Structure formats: structure tokens, C-alpha cells
Amino acid sequence: ESLNGTNTTSNNSEKSTPPSKAKVHRCRQCSFVSSVKEDYWAHHRVHIRADKILECPSCPFVTEYKHHLEYH
């Protein structure tokens, strides 16, 4: 039980963005930032040569590395 305002457990009275939606996706190659991973993946395409893009068949995920796609 925390009375100092620190949210240590789930608090239904707090109307904030759920933690799963609060993640920030930052591009490692430029200043692009997005809170939506699909927007991040769409942006990431600009940094991958067209002949190197590997796409997930089930979602918008893209990478240039086979092992990243296999892990995904």
C-alpha cells in the first residue's frame, strides 16, 4: 500500500494510458519517435534498402535481418 502517489500496483481509478500503450519506439538511425509500433515499422522502411527488406507475413513488421524476422 503506497500513500505517496507511487503506483506500485494496478489502480483502476487512474485513467491513464495502459503500460502496453505507453511504450515509445525510437529510431536508432534518426530522431523519429512513435508510441505506435506499426508507425515505427512503417518509418523503419526508409532506412532499409528495398532489396534488403524482409516483411512479416502476418503484420507490418519489417527488418533487414533474417534472424530478427525469425525471432519476431
Protein backbone atom coordinates (compact mmCIF):
# COMPACT_ATOMS: atom_id res chain seq x y z
CA GLU A 1 0.00 0.00 0.00
CA SER A 2 1.50 3.24 -1.17
CA LEU A 3 0.25 6.60 0.05
CA ASN A 4 2.94 8.76 -1.52
CA GLY A 5 1.43 8.70 -5.01
CA THR A 6 3.69 5.98 -6.35
CA ASN A 7 1.67 3.50 -8.35
CA THR A 8 3.09 0.14 -7.27
CA THR A 9 0.01 -1.89 -8.21
CA SER A 10 -2.78 -1.65 -10.75
CA ASN A 11 -5.10 1.20 -9.85
CA ASN A 12 -8.49 1.20 -11.56
CA SER A 13 -9.25 4.79 -10.57
CA GLU A 14 -6.27 6.07 -12.56
CA LYS A 15 -7.39 6.93 -16.10
CA SER A 16 -4.02 6.88 -17.81
CA THR A 17 -2.75 5.04 -20.85
CA PRO A 18 -2.14 1.36 -20.09
CA PRO A 19 1.58 0.48 -19.81
CA SER A 20 1.42 -1.60 -23.03
CA LYS A 21 0.38 1.54 -24.95
CA ALA A 22 2.85 3.88 -23.25
CA LYS A 23 5.97 2.38 -24.87
CA VAL A 24 7.95 4.78 -27.00
CA HIS A 25 9.59 3.44 -30.15
CA ARG A 26 12.71 5.43 -31.04
CA CYS A 27 14.54 5.09 -34.32
CA ARG A 28 18.21 4.33 -33.75
CA GLN A 29 19.17 5.99 -37.02
CA CYS A 30 17.34 9.34 -36.82
CA SER A 31 15.14 11.38 -34.49
CA PHE A 32 11.83 9.61 -35.33
CA VAL A 33 9.76 8.67 -32.27
CA SER A 34 6.37 6.97 -32.14
CA SER A 35 4.12 5.48 -29.49
CA VAL A 36 2.62 3.16 -32.15
CA LYS A 37 4.88 0.29 -33.15
CA GLU A 38 3.21 -0.08 -36.56
CA ASP A 39 4.10 3.55 -37.31
CA TYR A 40 7.66 2.83 -36.21
CA TRP A 41 7.87 -0.16 -38.56
CA ALA A 42 6.45 1.91 -41.42
CA HIS A 43 9.11 4.54 -40.72
CA HIS A 44 11.88 1.94 -40.39
CA ARG A 45 11.42 1.05 -44.08
CA VAL A 46 13.13 4.32 -45.07
CA HIS A 47 16.38 3.05 -43.54
CA ILE A 48 16.33 -0.35 -45.28
CA ARG A 49 17.36 -0.77 -48.91
CA ALA A 50 14.41 -2.03 -50.98
CA ASP A 51 16.27 -5.21 -51.94
CA LYS A 52 17.01 -5.97 -48.27
CA ILE A 53 13.51 -5.56 -46.73
CA LEU A 54 12.15 -8.69 -45.05
CA GLU A 55 8.46 -8.47 -44.12
CA CYS A 56 6.37 -10.41 -41.64
CA PRO A 57 3.51 -12.16 -43.47
CA SER A 58 1.15 -11.58 -40.51
CA CYS A 59 1.77 -7.94 -39.53
CA PRO A 60 3.58 -4.74 -40.64
CA PHE A 61 6.92 -5.73 -39.03
CA VAL A 62 9.94 -5.19 -41.28
CA THR A 63 13.66 -5.82 -40.88
CA GLU A 64 16.74 -6.36 -42.98
CA TYR A 65 17.97 -9.23 -40.81
CA LYS A 66 16.71 -12.78 -41.27
CA HIS A 67 17.37 -13.68 -37.63
CA HIS A 68 15.26 -10.70 -36.47
CA LEU A 69 12.34 -11.86 -38.63
CA GLU A 70 12.72 -15.44 -37.36
CA TYR A 71 12.79 -14.23 -33.74
CA HIS A 72 9.79 -11.95 -34.36
